[in-house]
Amino acid sequence: MQCLLAGRIWQRAHLLATTWGLAGRPCNEAVEWVDRQQALGQATQGASPLADLLGEPGWEPTFVFYLGYPSLPSHPARGGRWSGFCFDLEAANPQGH
């Protein structure tokens, strides 16, 4: 449940950030690395750097991301192979229900 909630928060934060002209992307490699080591019963080599970064021993992040101003301009999606999945919500439901 914690991961699901983190994903929902990330989606909302990312959408809000884009309205402010910010770019963002997930950066979960270190978190996934620690999880994988724990699943294999190995010593968690990545846990200490994450704890050092956070400044809270024993506290583990659930989701990590980059956020900042883009160095290159972005362009709206042009459709491509996924364009068939998009549709006009108002045309699909003109009464707003």
Protein backbone atom coordinates (compact mmCIF):
# COMPACT_ATOMS: atom_id res chain seq x y z
CA MET A 1 0.00 0.00 0.00
CA GLN A 2 2.90 2.36 0.77
CA CYS A 3 4.32 1.94 -2.75
CA LEU A 4 0.92 2.57 -4.33
CA LEU A 5 0.48 5.77 -2.31
CA ALA A 6 4.02 6.90 -3.21
CA GLY A 7 3.24 6.36 -6.90
CA ARG A 8 0.06 8.40 -6.67
CA ILE A 9 1.86 11.23 -4.90
CA TRP A 10 4.62 11.13 -7.52
CA GLN A 11 2.08 11.37 -10.38
CA ARG A 12 0.41 14.41 -8.84
CA ALA A 13 3.72 16.10 -7.97
CA HIS A 14 5.10 15.45 -11.45
CA LEU A 15 2.01 16.90 -13.14
CA LEU A 16 2.11 19.96 -10.88
CA ALA A 17 5.84 20.43 -11.50
CA THR A 18 5.32 20.41 -15.28
CA THR A 19 2.80 23.24 -14.96
CA TRP A 20 5.60 25.24 -13.34
CA GLY A 21 8.02 24.42 -16.17
CA LEU A 22 9.97 21.81 -14.21
CA ALA A 23 11.09 18.42 -15.48
CA GLY A 24 11.21 15.28 -13.40
CA ARG A 25 11.85 11.58 -13.62
CA PRO A 26 12.09 8.65 -11.22
CA CYS A 27 15.50 7.71 -9.83
CA ASN A 28 14.73 4.51 -7.96
CA GLU A 29 17.78 2.44 -8.88
CA ALA A 30 19.34 2.69 -5.40
CA VAL A 31 16.06 1.83 -3.65
CA GLU A 32 15.48 -1.15 -5.95
CA TRP A 33 19.10 -2.28 -5.44
CA VAL A 34 18.67 -2.36 -1.65
CA ASP A 35 15.32 -4.19 -2.00
CA ARG A 36 16.89 -6.79 -4.29
CA GLN A 37 19.81 -7.38 -1.91
CA GLN A 38 17.39 -7.87 0.97
CA ALA A 39 15.28 -10.29 -1.09
CA LEU A 40 18.40 -12.36 -1.84
CA GLY A 41 19.50 -12.32 1.80
CA GLN A 42 22.62 -10.33 0.97
CA ALA A 43 24.21 -7.48 2.93
CA THR A 44 22.61 -4.23 1.80
CA GLN A 45 25.54 -2.28 0.43
CA GLY A 46 23.39 0.57 -0.84
CA ALA A 47 21.49 1.17 2.40
CA SER A 48 24.23 3.19 4.10
CA PRO A 49 24.64 5.77 1.30
CA LEU A 50 20.86 6.24 1.20
CA ALA A 51 20.73 6.71 4.97
CA ASP A 52 23.65 9.18 4.74
CA LEU A 53 21.85 11.12 2.03
CA LEU A 54 18.66 11.32 4.10
CA GLY A 55 20.39 12.05 7.38
CA GLU A 56 18.05 9.70 9.25
CA PRO A 57 19.52 6.33 10.27
CA GLY A 58 17.02 3.50 9.90
CA TRP A 59 14.76 5.49 7.59
CA GLU A 60 14.42 4.06 4.07
CA PRO A 61 13.04 5.96 1.08
CA THR A 62 10.17 4.46 -0.90
CA PHE A 63 10.51 6.57 -4.03
CA VAL A 64 13.34 8.83 -5.24
CA PHE A 65 13.17 11.27 -8.15
CA TYR A 66 15.03 14.01 -9.97
CA LEU A 67 13.34 17.40 -10.31
CA GLY A 68 14.66 20.57 -11.88
CA TYR A 69 14.60 22.93 -14.81
CA PRO A 70 15.21 21.16 -18.14
CA SER A 71 18.38 21.99 -20.04
CA LEU A 72 16.65 21.32 -23.39
CA PRO A 73 13.16 22.36 -24.46
CA SER A 74 10.51 19.67 -24.50
CA HIS A 75 7.94 19.14 -27.21
CA PRO A 76 4.37 17.87 -26.92
CA ALA A 77 3.86 14.22 -27.77
CA ARG A 78 3.04 13.74 -31.43
CA GLY A 79 1.00 10.59 -31.08
CA GLY A 80 2.91 7.75 -32.63
CA ARG A 81 1.95 4.21 -31.73
CA TRP A 82 0.07 5.30 -28.59
CA SER A 83 -2.13 7.89 -30.30
CA GLY A 84 -4.96 5.37 -30.63
CA PHE A 85 -5.35 5.32 -26.84
CA CYS A 86 -6.13 9.03 -26.59
CA PHE A 87 -9.58 10.46 -27.11
CA ASP A 88 -11.51 13.65 -26.50
CA LEU A 89 -13.28 13.32 -23.14
CA GLU A 90 -15.77 16.09 -23.92
CA ALA A 91 -16.73 14.48 -27.23
CA ALA A 92 -17.08 11.11 -25.52
CA ASN A 93 -19.25 12.56 -22.75
CA PRO A 94 -20.82 15.86 -23.92
CA GLN A 95 -23.08 16.19 -20.85
CA GLY A 96 -20.08 16.24 -18.46
CA HIS A 97 -21.05 13.13 -16.48
